[in-house]
Amino acid sequence: MSTIRPQLTHAGIYVEDLDKMRRFYVEVMGLVETDRGHGFTFDNDFVFMSADPTIHHQLILASGRAERARQSTINQLSFRVRNLNELRAMYRRVRDDGIEGIRPVSHGNAWSIYFDDPEGNTIEIYLDTPWHTSQPHADRLDLEASDEAILRTTETACAADPTFTKVENWNARMREVLGRD
């Protein structure tokens, strides 16, 4: 088997309303528009967006989603934040934009909020925890609790799982599996 493993760097989604979706991803999600235009080989309008100054685009919005498509084929688009305070701030920002059905979840290895963008694509905003627990795993996450309480609750909830370990141990195993030092 080849040891070449391409890294996922960006995703593109078809949208019905390019302006509405651009507004959401800029004003609510905090991305910056890096480019916009009409395709040369594709008959679509595109908006390229990023939150990283070294990456031209992490998300592409493309016109052309079928009107009233019954559901998105995207399972989720995931965005990482640096700490629990940023996760709480994003929770409030999304809520204040009128998004309903926000779902805070502790996966043991990550703390997340899930919600749908204006066209029904599932968005996850998350940060990693100091632990690994086999997935899928989902416990209630109380974002009103202090950082210390969230850490304690997560560790306690996951400690009985035989796969529970520090993330460094899991990373070392994965480096071995992937043949990387």
N, C-alpha and C. Protein backbone atom coordinates (compact mmCIF):
# COMPACT_ATOMS: atom_id res chain seq x y z
N MET A 1 0.84 -1.19 0.00
CA MET A 1 0.00 0.00 0.00
C MET A 1 0.88 1.24 0.00
N SER A 2 0.48 2.24 -0.75
CA SER A 2 1.22 3.49 -0.85
C SER A 2 1.19 4.25 0.47
N THR A 3 2.28 4.95 0.77
CA THR A 3 2.30 5.79 1.97
C THR A 3 1.94 7.23 1.64
N ILE A 4 1.55 7.47 0.38
CA ILE A 4 1.07 8.80 0.01
C ILE A 4 -0.35 8.95 0.51
N ARG A 5 -0.57 9.97 1.34
CA ARG A 5 -1.89 10.20 1.91
C ARG A 5 -2.26 11.67 1.72
N PRO A 6 -3.02 11.98 0.67
CA PRO A 6 -3.42 13.36 0.46
C PRO A 6 -4.20 13.89 1.66
N GLN A 7 -3.98 15.15 2.00
CA GLN A 7 -4.65 15.79 3.13
C GLN A 7 -5.83 16.61 2.64
N LEU A 8 -6.97 16.43 3.28
CA LEU A 8 -8.14 17.23 2.95
C LEU A 8 -7.87 18.67 3.36
N THR A 9 -8.04 19.61 2.42
CA THR A 9 -7.73 21.01 2.71
C THR A 9 -8.91 21.95 2.51
N HIS A 10 -9.89 21.56 1.70
CA HIS A 10 -11.03 22.43 1.50
C HIS A 10 -12.21 21.62 0.96
N ALA A 11 -13.38 22.25 1.03
CA ALA A 11 -14.60 21.62 0.53
C ALA A 11 -15.38 22.66 -0.25
N GLY A 12 -16.15 22.20 -1.22
CA GLY A 12 -17.02 23.07 -1.98
C GLY A 12 -18.44 22.54 -1.91
N ILE A 13 -19.40 23.45 -1.78
CA ILE A 13 -20.79 23.03 -1.73
C ILE A 13 -21.61 23.83 -2.74
N TYR A 14 -22.59 23.16 -3.34
CA TYR A 14 -23.54 23.85 -4.19
C TYR A 14 -24.58 24.54 -3.32
N VAL A 15 -24.97 25.75 -3.71
CA VAL A 15 -25.95 26.51 -2.94
C VAL A 15 -27.03 27.04 -3.87
N GLU A 16 -28.20 27.29 -3.29
CA GLU A 16 -29.29 27.90 -4.05
C GLU A 16 -29.12 29.41 -4.11
N ASP A 17 -28.84 30.03 -2.97
CA ASP A 17 -28.77 31.49 -2.85
C ASP A 17 -27.35 31.88 -2.43
N LEU A 18 -26.53 32.21 -3.42
CA LEU A 18 -25.12 32.50 -3.17
C LEU A 18 -24.92 33.67 -2.21
N ASP A 19 -25.70 34.74 -2.36
CA ASP A 19 -25.54 35.91 -1.49
C ASP A 19 -25.92 35.61 -0.05
N LYS A 20 -27.03 34.89 0.14
CA LYS A 20 -27.47 34.53 1.49
C LYS A 20 -26.43 33.65 2.18
N MET A 21 -25.91 32.68 1.45
CA MET A 21 -24.92 31.77 2.03
C MET A 21 -23.59 32.48 2.28
N ARG A 22 -23.20 33.39 1.39
CA ARG A 22 -21.98 34.17 1.61
C ARG A 22 -22.12 34.99 2.89
N ARG A 23 -23.26 35.66 3.05
CA ARG A 23 -23.48 36.46 4.26
C ARG A 23 -23.33 35.60 5.52
N PHE A 24 -23.93 34.42 5.52
CA PHE A 24 -23.86 33.53 6.68
C PHE A 24 -22.41 33.16 6.99
N TYR A 25 -21.68 32.71 5.98
CA TYR A 25 -20.31 32.24 6.23
C TYR A 25 -19.35 33.38 6.55
N VAL A 26 -19.62 34.60 6.10
CA VAL A 26 -18.79 35.75 6.46
C VAL A 26 -19.21 36.32 7.82
N GLU A 27 -20.49 36.65 7.96
CA GLU A 27 -20.93 37.36 9.17
C GLU A 27 -21.07 36.46 10.39
N VAL A 28 -21.49 35.23 10.20
CA VAL A 28 -21.71 34.34 11.35
C VAL A 28 -20.49 33.45 11.58
N MET A 29 -19.98 32.83 10.54
CA MET A 29 -18.86 31.90 10.71
C MET A 29 -17.50 32.59 10.72
N GLY A 30 -17.43 33.85 10.27
CA GLY A 30 -16.19 34.60 10.35
C GLY A 30 -15.19 34.35 9.23
N LEU A 31 -15.61 33.70 8.15
CA LEU A 31 -14.70 33.49 7.03
C LEU A 31 -14.55 34.80 6.25
N VAL A 32 -13.52 34.87 5.45
CA VAL A 32 -13.24 36.04 4.61
C VAL A 32 -13.34 35.61 3.16
N GLU A 33 -14.01 36.42 2.35
CA GLU A 33 -14.07 36.14 0.92
C GLU A 33 -12.70 36.44 0.32
N THR A 34 -12.10 35.45 -0.34
CA THR A 34 -10.78 35.64 -0.95
C THR A 34 -10.87 35.85 -2.45
N ASP A 35 -11.92 35.35 -3.07
CA ASP A 35 -12.12 35.52 -4.51
C ASP A 35 -13.59 35.26 -4.82
N ARG A 36 -13.99 35.72 -6.02
CA ARG A 36 -15.37 35.51 -6.48
C ARG A 36 -15.33 35.60 -7.99
N GLY A 37 -16.18 34.82 -8.65
CA GLY A 37 -16.25 34.93 -10.09
C GLY A 37 -17.10 33.84 -10.71
N HIS A 38 -17.18 33.91 -12.04
CA HIS A 38 -17.93 32.92 -12.81
C HIS A 38 -16.93 31.96 -13.43
N GLY A 39 -17.27 30.67 -13.40
CA GLY A 39 -16.37 29.64 -13.90
C GLY A 39 -16.10 29.74 -15.38
N PHE A 40 -14.91 29.32 -15.78
CA PHE A 40 -14.54 29.27 -17.20
C PHE A 40 -14.94 27.93 -17.80
N THR A 41 -14.73 26.86 -17.04
CA THR A 41 -15.08 25.53 -17.54
C THR A 41 -16.33 24.99 -16.86
N PHE A 42 -16.81 25.68 -15.82
CA PHE A 42 -18.06 25.32 -15.14
C PHE A 42 -18.98 26.52 -15.23
N ASP A 43 -20.24 26.30 -15.54
CA ASP A 43 -21.21 27.39 -15.66
C ASP A 43 -21.83 27.67 -14.30
N ASN A 44 -20.98 28.09 -13.35
CA ASN A 44 -21.42 28.39 -11.99
C ASN A 44 -20.73 29.66 -11.53
N ASP A 45 -21.39 30.34 -10.59
CA ASP A 45 -20.74 31.44 -9.89
C ASP A 45 -20.10 30.86 -8.64
N PHE A 46 -18.93 31.38 -8.27
CA PHE A 46 -18.18 30.84 -7.14
C PHE A 46 -17.80 31.95 -6.17
N VAL A 47 -17.80 31.62 -4.86
CA VAL A 47 -17.23 32.47 -3.83
C VAL A 47 -16.24 31.59 -3.07
N PHE A 48 -14.99 32.05 -3.00
CA PHE A 48 -13.93 31.34 -2.29
C PHE A 48 -13.73 32.02 -0.94
N MET A 49 -13.59 31.20 0.12
CA MET A 49 -13.52 31.76 1.47
C MET A 49 -12.46 31.04 2.29
N SER A 50 -11.90 31.80 3.27
CA SER A 50 -10.88 31.21 4.14
C SER A 50 -10.87 31.90 5.49
N ALA A 51 -10.32 31.21 6.49
CA ALA A 51 -10.06 31.78 7.81
C ALA A 51 -8.58 31.66 8.15
N ASP A 52 -7.79 31.28 7.15
CA ASP A 52 -6.35 31.07 7.35
C ASP A 52 -5.60 31.93 6.33
N PRO A 53 -4.72 32.83 6.79
CA PRO A 53 -4.03 33.71 5.85
C PRO A 53 -3.08 32.99 4.90
N THR A 54 -2.79 31.72 5.15
CA THR A 54 -1.89 30.99 4.27
C THR A 54 -2.63 30.05 3.32
N ILE A 55 -3.96 30.02 3.40
CA ILE A 55 -4.75 29.12 2.55
C ILE A 55 -5.75 29.96 1.76
N HIS A 56 -5.63 29.94 0.44
CA HIS A 56 -6.50 30.74 -0.41
C HIS A 56 -7.97 30.45 -0.16
N HIS A 57 -8.33 29.19 -0.10
CA HIS A 57 -9.74 28.87 0.18
C HIS A 57 -9.84 27.56 0.97
N GLN A 58 -10.71 27.61 1.96
CA GLN A 58 -11.06 26.43 2.74
C GLN A 58 -12.48 25.99 2.42
N LEU A 59 -13.28 26.94 1.94
CA LEU A 59 -14.66 26.64 1.55
C LEU A 59 -14.97 27.36 0.25
N ILE A 60 -15.63 26.64 -0.65
CA ILE A 60 -16.09 27.21 -1.91
C ILE A 60 -17.61 27.09 -1.94
N LEU A 61 -18.26 28.20 -2.21
CA LEU A 61 -19.70 28.19 -2.45
C LEU A 61 -19.91 28.27 -3.96
N ALA A 62 -20.70 27.37 -4.49
CA ALA A 62 -20.93 27.33 -5.94
C ALA A 62 -22.42 27.37 -6.22
N SER A 63 -22.83 28.27 -7.11
CA SER A 63 -24.24 28.30 -7.50
C SER A 63 -24.58 26.99 -8.20
N GLY A 64 -25.87 26.69 -8.25
CA GLY A 64 -26.28 25.52 -9.02
C GLY A 64 -26.90 24.39 -8.23
N ARG A 65 -27.11 24.58 -6.91
CA ARG A 65 -27.79 23.53 -6.17
C ARG A 65 -29.22 23.45 -6.67
N ALA A 66 -29.69 22.25 -6.88
CA ALA A 66 -31.04 22.06 -7.38
C ALA A 66 -32.04 22.72 -6.43
N GLU A 67 -32.95 23.51 -6.97
CA GLU A 67 -33.97 24.15 -6.14
C GLU A 67 -34.75 23.10 -5.37
N ARG A 68 -34.97 23.39 -4.13
CA ARG A 68 -35.72 22.52 -3.23
C ARG A 68 -35.16 21.11 -3.21
N ALA A 69 -33.83 21.00 -3.28
CA ALA A 69 -33.21 19.68 -3.13
C ALA A 69 -33.67 19.11 -1.79
N ARG A 70 -34.03 17.86 -1.77
CA ARG A 70 -34.63 17.30 -0.56
C ARG A 70 -33.68 17.32 0.62
N GLN A 71 -32.43 17.10 0.41
CA GLN A 71 -31.47 17.22 1.51
C GLN A 71 -30.08 17.37 0.94
N SER A 72 -29.21 17.89 1.78
CA SER A 72 -27.82 18.03 1.40
C SER A 72 -27.17 16.66 1.40
N THR A 73 -26.20 16.47 0.54
CA THR A 73 -25.44 15.22 0.57
C THR A 73 -24.22 15.34 1.47
N ILE A 74 -24.06 16.51 2.10
CA ILE A 74 -22.94 16.72 3.01
C ILE A 74 -23.34 16.24 4.39
N ASN A 75 -22.52 15.38 4.98
CA ASN A 75 -22.77 14.96 6.35
C ASN A 75 -22.52 16.12 7.29
N GLN A 76 -21.38 16.81 7.13
CA GLN A 76 -21.09 17.98 7.94
C GLN A 76 -19.86 18.69 7.40
N LEU A 77 -19.81 20.00 7.67
CA LEU A 77 -18.61 20.80 7.47
C LEU A 77 -18.14 21.18 8.86
N SER A 78 -16.88 20.91 9.17
CA SER A 78 -16.38 21.12 10.53
C SER A 78 -15.35 22.23 10.57
N PHE A 79 -15.52 23.10 11.57
CA PHE A 79 -14.64 24.24 11.78
C PHE A 79 -14.08 24.16 13.20
N ARG A 80 -12.75 24.29 13.33
CA ARG A 80 -12.11 24.19 14.64
C ARG A 80 -11.90 25.57 15.25
N VAL A 81 -12.14 25.67 16.55
CA VAL A 81 -11.81 26.87 17.32
C VAL A 81 -10.71 26.50 18.32
N ARG A 82 -10.15 27.51 18.99
CA ARG A 82 -8.98 27.28 19.84
C ARG A 82 -9.29 26.88 21.27
N ASN A 83 -10.46 27.28 21.79
CA ASN A 83 -10.73 27.01 23.20
C ASN A 83 -12.23 27.07 23.47
N LEU A 84 -12.59 26.72 24.69
CA LEU A 84 -14.01 26.69 25.06
C LEU A 84 -14.66 28.06 25.00
N ASN A 85 -13.91 29.11 25.33
CA ASN A 85 -14.48 30.46 25.23
C ASN A 85 -14.87 30.79 23.79
N GLU A 86 -14.05 30.40 22.84
CA GLU A 86 -14.40 30.61 21.43
C GLU A 86 -15.61 29.76 21.03
N LEU A 87 -15.70 28.54 21.56
CA LEU A 87 -16.86 27.69 21.26
C LEU A 87 -18.13 28.33 21.81
N ARG A 88 -18.05 28.84 23.03
CA ARG A 88 -19.20 29.54 23.62
C ARG A 88 -19.58 30.77 22.80
N ALA A 89 -18.58 31.53 22.37
CA ALA A 89 -18.84 32.74 21.57
C ALA A 89 -19.51 32.38 20.24
N MET A 90 -19.07 31.31 19.61
CA MET A 90 -19.69 30.88 18.36
C MET A 90 -21.12 30.39 18.61
N TYR A 91 -21.33 29.71 19.72
CA TYR A 91 -22.69 29.29 20.08
C TYR A 91 -23.60 30.51 20.14
N ARG A 92 -23.16 31.56 20.83
CA ARG A 92 -23.98 32.77 20.96
C ARG A 92 -24.16 33.46 19.61
N ARG A 93 -23.10 33.52 18.81
CA ARG A 93 -23.19 34.18 17.50
C ARG A 93 -24.20 33.47 16.61
N VAL A 94 -24.13 32.15 16.58
CA VAL A 94 -25.07 31.37 15.75
C VAL A 94 -26.49 31.55 16.27
N ARG A 95 -26.66 31.43 17.59
CA ARG A 95 -27.99 31.61 18.20
C ARG A 95 -28.54 33.00 17.89
N ASP A 96 -27.69 34.02 18.03
CA ASP A 96 -28.13 35.40 17.81
C ASP A 96 -28.46 35.67 16.34
N ASP A 97 -27.96 34.84 15.44
CA ASP A 97 -28.30 34.98 14.03
C ASP A 97 -29.65 34.32 13.71
N GLY A 98 -30.27 33.72 14.72
CA GLY A 98 -31.58 33.12 14.52
C GLY A 98 -31.55 31.64 14.19
N ILE A 99 -30.38 31.03 14.25
CA ILE A 99 -30.29 29.60 13.98
C ILE A 99 -30.88 28.84 15.17
N GLU A 100 -31.75 27.91 14.89
CA GLU A 100 -32.38 27.10 15.94
C GLU A 100 -31.83 25.68 15.89
N GLY A 101 -32.07 24.95 16.95
CA GLY A 101 -31.68 23.54 16.98
C GLY A 101 -30.18 23.34 17.15
N ILE A 102 -29.50 24.24 17.84
CA ILE A 102 -28.06 24.10 18.08
C ILE A 102 -27.86 22.97 19.09
N ARG A 103 -26.96 22.03 18.77
CA ARG A 103 -26.76 20.85 19.60
C ARG A 103 -25.34 20.81 20.15
N PRO A 104 -25.14 21.15 21.44
CA PRO A 104 -23.82 21.02 22.06
C PRO A 104 -23.56 19.56 22.46
N VAL A 105 -22.40 19.02 22.09
CA VAL A 105 -22.09 17.61 22.32
C VAL A 105 -20.64 17.47 22.78
N SER A 106 -20.44 16.55 23.73
CA SER A 106 -19.09 16.13 24.09
C SER A 106 -18.85 14.77 23.48
N HIS A 107 -17.83 14.67 22.62
CA HIS A 107 -17.49 13.40 22.00
C HIS A 107 -16.39 12.67 22.78
N GLY A 108 -15.97 13.23 23.88
CA GLY A 108 -14.85 12.66 24.62
C GLY A 108 -13.54 13.15 24.07
N ASN A 109 -13.37 13.07 22.76
CA ASN A 109 -12.14 13.57 22.12
C ASN A 109 -12.31 14.98 21.56
N ALA A 110 -13.54 15.49 21.61
CA ALA A 110 -13.81 16.85 21.11
C ALA A 110 -15.09 17.37 21.76
N TRP A 111 -15.16 18.69 21.87
CA TRP A 111 -16.38 19.37 22.29
C TRP A 111 -16.91 20.10 21.06
N SER A 112 -18.19 19.96 20.79
CA SER A 112 -18.75 20.46 19.53
C SER A 112 -20.10 21.12 19.73
N ILE A 113 -20.43 22.00 18.78
CA ILE A 113 -21.80 22.41 18.59
C ILE A 113 -22.15 22.08 17.14
N TYR A 114 -23.37 21.61 16.94
CA TYR A 114 -23.88 21.28 15.61
C TYR A 114 -25.12 22.12 15.33
N PHE A 115 -25.27 22.52 14.07
CA PHE A 115 -26.45 23.27 13.64
C PHE A 115 -26.46 23.24 12.12
N ASP A 116 -27.58 23.67 11.54
CA ASP A 116 -27.69 23.72 10.09
C ASP A 116 -27.48 25.14 9.59
N ASP A 117 -26.76 25.27 8.47
CA ASP A 117 -26.63 26.59 7.84
C ASP A 117 -27.97 26.93 7.18
N PRO A 118 -28.09 28.11 6.56
CA PRO A 118 -29.40 28.51 6.01
C PRO A 118 -29.97 27.58 4.93
N GLU A 119 -29.15 26.72 4.33
CA GLU A 119 -29.68 25.80 3.31
C GLU A 119 -29.67 24.36 3.79
N GLY A 120 -29.53 24.14 5.10
CA GLY A 120 -29.68 22.81 5.65
C GLY A 120 -28.44 21.94 5.68
N ASN A 121 -27.26 22.51 5.42
CA ASN A 121 -26.02 21.74 5.54
C ASN A 121 -25.60 21.73 7.02
N THR A 122 -25.24 20.57 7.54
CA THR A 122 -24.85 20.48 8.95
C THR A 122 -23.46 21.06 9.14
N ILE A 123 -23.35 21.95 10.12
CA ILE A 123 -22.08 22.58 10.49
C ILE A 123 -21.69 22.09 11.87
N GLU A 124 -20.42 21.79 12.05
CA GLU A 124 -19.87 21.48 13.37
C GLU A 124 -18.79 22.51 13.67
N ILE A 125 -18.84 23.09 14.86
CA ILE A 125 -17.74 23.91 15.36
C ILE A 125 -17.22 23.16 16.57
N TYR A 126 -15.90 22.94 16.64
CA TYR A 126 -15.37 22.06 17.67
C TYR A 126 -13.98 22.47 18.11
N LEU A 127 -13.54 21.88 19.21
CA LEU A 127 -12.15 21.89 19.62
C LEU A 127 -11.84 20.53 20.22
N ASP A 128 -10.58 20.14 20.11
CA ASP A 128 -10.14 18.85 20.64
C ASP A 128 -10.00 18.91 22.15
N THR A 129 -10.20 17.76 22.79
CA THR A 129 -9.96 17.62 24.22
C THR A 129 -8.58 16.99 24.40
N PRO A 130 -8.11 16.86 25.64
CA PRO A 130 -6.82 16.21 25.86
C PRO A 130 -6.88 14.68 25.81
N TRP A 131 -8.04 14.10 25.45
CA TRP A 131 -8.21 12.66 25.50
C TRP A 131 -8.66 12.08 24.17
N HIS A 132 -8.54 10.75 24.11
CA HIS A 132 -9.11 10.00 22.98
C HIS A 132 -10.10 9.00 23.55
N THR A 133 -11.22 8.87 22.87
CA THR A 133 -12.22 7.86 23.14
C THR A 133 -12.74 7.39 21.79
N SER A 134 -12.88 6.09 21.62
CA SER A 134 -13.39 5.58 20.35
C SER A 134 -14.72 6.24 20.00
N GLN A 135 -14.93 6.43 18.72
CA GLN A 135 -16.12 7.09 18.21
C GLN A 135 -17.00 6.08 17.48
N PRO A 136 -18.28 6.30 17.41
CA PRO A 136 -18.99 7.49 17.87
C PRO A 136 -19.20 7.48 19.38
N HIS A 137 -19.18 8.65 19.94
CA HIS A 137 -19.41 8.84 21.37
C HIS A 137 -20.07 10.21 21.52
N ALA A 138 -21.12 10.30 22.29
CA ALA A 138 -21.80 11.59 22.46
C ALA A 138 -22.43 11.69 23.84
N ASP A 139 -22.02 12.71 24.56
CA ASP A 139 -22.61 13.06 25.85
C ASP A 139 -23.09 14.50 25.75
N ARG A 140 -23.97 14.86 26.67
CA ARG A 140 -24.46 16.23 26.75
C ARG A 140 -23.29 17.14 27.11
N LEU A 141 -23.23 18.32 26.50
CA LEU A 141 -22.22 19.33 26.80
C LEU A 141 -22.94 20.57 27.32
N ASP A 142 -22.58 20.97 28.54
CA ASP A 142 -23.17 22.16 29.15
C ASP A 142 -22.20 23.32 28.99
N LEU A 143 -22.45 24.17 28.01
CA LEU A 143 -21.55 25.30 27.75
C LEU A 143 -21.66 26.40 28.79
N GLU A 144 -22.65 26.32 29.68
CA GLU A 144 -22.76 27.28 30.78
C GLU A 144 -21.80 26.93 31.91
N ALA A 145 -21.31 25.70 31.94
CA ALA A 145 -20.38 25.26 32.98
C ALA A 145 -19.01 25.89 32.77
N SER A 146 -18.21 25.93 33.81
CA SER A 146 -16.84 26.46 33.72
C SER A 146 -15.97 25.49 32.92
N ASP A 147 -14.83 25.98 32.44
CA ASP A 147 -13.90 25.11 31.72
C ASP A 147 -13.51 23.91 32.59
N GLU A 148 -13.21 24.18 33.86
CA GLU A 148 -12.79 23.11 34.79
C GLU A 148 -13.89 22.06 34.93
N ALA A 149 -15.14 22.51 35.06
CA ALA A 149 -16.26 21.57 35.19
C ALA A 149 -16.44 20.74 33.92
N ILE A 150 -16.29 21.36 32.76
CA ILE A 150 -16.41 20.62 31.50
C ILE A 150 -15.30 19.58 31.38
N LEU A 151 -14.08 19.96 31.73
CA LEU A 151 -12.96 19.00 31.71
C LEU A 151 -13.25 17.82 32.64
N ARG A 152 -13.65 18.11 33.86
CA ARG A 152 -13.92 17.07 34.87
C ARG A 152 -15.07 16.17 34.41
N THR A 153 -16.16 16.76 33.91
CA THR A 153 -17.32 15.99 33.47
C THR A 153 -16.96 15.08 32.29
N THR A 154 -16.20 15.61 31.35
CA THR A 154 -15.81 14.82 30.19
C THR A 154 -14.91 13.66 30.59
N GLU A 155 -13.91 13.94 31.41
CA GLU A 155 -12.99 12.88 31.84
C GLU A 155 -13.74 11.80 32.61
N THR A 156 -14.61 12.20 33.51
CA THR A 156 -15.39 11.24 34.30
C THR A 156 -16.30 10.40 33.42
N ALA A 157 -16.97 11.04 32.47
CA ALA A 157 -17.90 10.32 31.59
C ALA A 157 -17.18 9.31 30.69
N CYS A 158 -15.94 9.59 30.34
CA CYS A 158 -15.22 8.74 29.38
C CYS A 158 -14.27 7.74 30.04
N ALA A 159 -13.91 7.95 31.29
CA ALA A 159 -12.88 7.14 31.94
C ALA A 159 -13.22 5.66 32.00
N ALA A 160 -14.50 5.32 32.04
CA ALA A 160 -14.89 3.90 32.11
C ALA A 160 -14.75 3.18 30.77
N ASP A 161 -14.62 3.94 29.68
CA ASP A 161 -14.49 3.35 28.35
C ASP A 161 -13.09 2.73 28.23
N PRO A 162 -12.98 1.46 27.84
CA PRO A 162 -11.65 0.82 27.75
C PRO A 162 -10.73 1.46 26.71
N THR A 163 -11.29 2.25 25.78
CA THR A 163 -10.45 2.91 24.77
C THR A 163 -9.97 4.28 25.23
N PHE A 164 -10.43 4.73 26.38
CA PHE A 164 -10.10 6.06 26.90
C PHE A 164 -8.60 6.14 27.20
N THR A 165 -7.95 7.18 26.66
CA THR A 165 -6.52 7.39 26.89
C THR A 165 -6.21 8.86 26.64
N LYS A 166 -5.01 9.27 26.98
CA LYS A 166 -4.57 10.62 26.65
C LYS A 166 -4.37 10.70 25.14
N VAL A 167 -4.63 11.87 24.58
CA VAL A 167 -4.52 12.04 23.14
C VAL A 167 -3.09 11.77 22.65
N GLU A 168 -2.08 12.05 23.48
CA GLU A 168 -0.69 11.78 23.07
C GLU A 168 -0.48 10.29 22.79
N ASN A 169 -1.11 9.43 23.59
CA ASN A 169 -0.98 7.98 23.37
C ASN A 169 -1.63 7.58 22.05
N TRP A 170 -2.81 8.12 21.78
CA TRP A 170 -3.48 7.81 20.53
C TRP A 170 -2.67 8.33 19.34
N ASN A 171 -2.14 9.56 19.46
CA ASN A 171 -1.32 10.13 18.38
C ASN A 171 -0.09 9.27 18.11
N ALA A 172 0.55 8.76 19.15
CA ALA A 172 1.73 7.91 18.97
C ALA A 172 1.35 6.63 18.22
N ARG A 173 0.22 6.04 18.59
CA ARG A 173 -0.24 4.84 17.87
C ARG A 173 -0.52 5.15 16.41
N MET A 174 -1.15 6.28 16.13
CA MET A 174 -1.46 6.64 14.75
C MET A 174 -0.19 6.93 13.94
N ARG A 175 0.80 7.58 14.56
CA ARG A 175 2.07 7.80 13.85
C ARG A 175 2.69 6.46 13.45
N GLU A 176 2.59 5.50 14.34
CA GLU A 176 3.11 4.16 14.06
C GLU A 176 2.34 3.52 12.90
N VAL A 177 1.02 3.57 12.95
CA VAL A 177 0.18 3.01 11.90
C VAL A 177 0.44 3.67 10.56
N LEU A 178 0.60 4.99 10.57
CA LEU A 178 0.82 5.73 9.34
C LEU A 178 2.28 5.72 8.88
N GLY A 179 3.17 5.15 9.70
CA GLY A 179 4.57 5.09 9.33
C GLY A 179 5.26 6.44 9.37
N ARG A 180 4.86 7.28 10.33
CA ARG A 180 5.45 8.61 10.46
C ARG A 180 6.12 8.74 11.81
N ASP A 181 7.23 9.46 11.83
CA ASP A 181 7.95 9.65 13.11
C ASP A 181 7.34 10.73 13.94
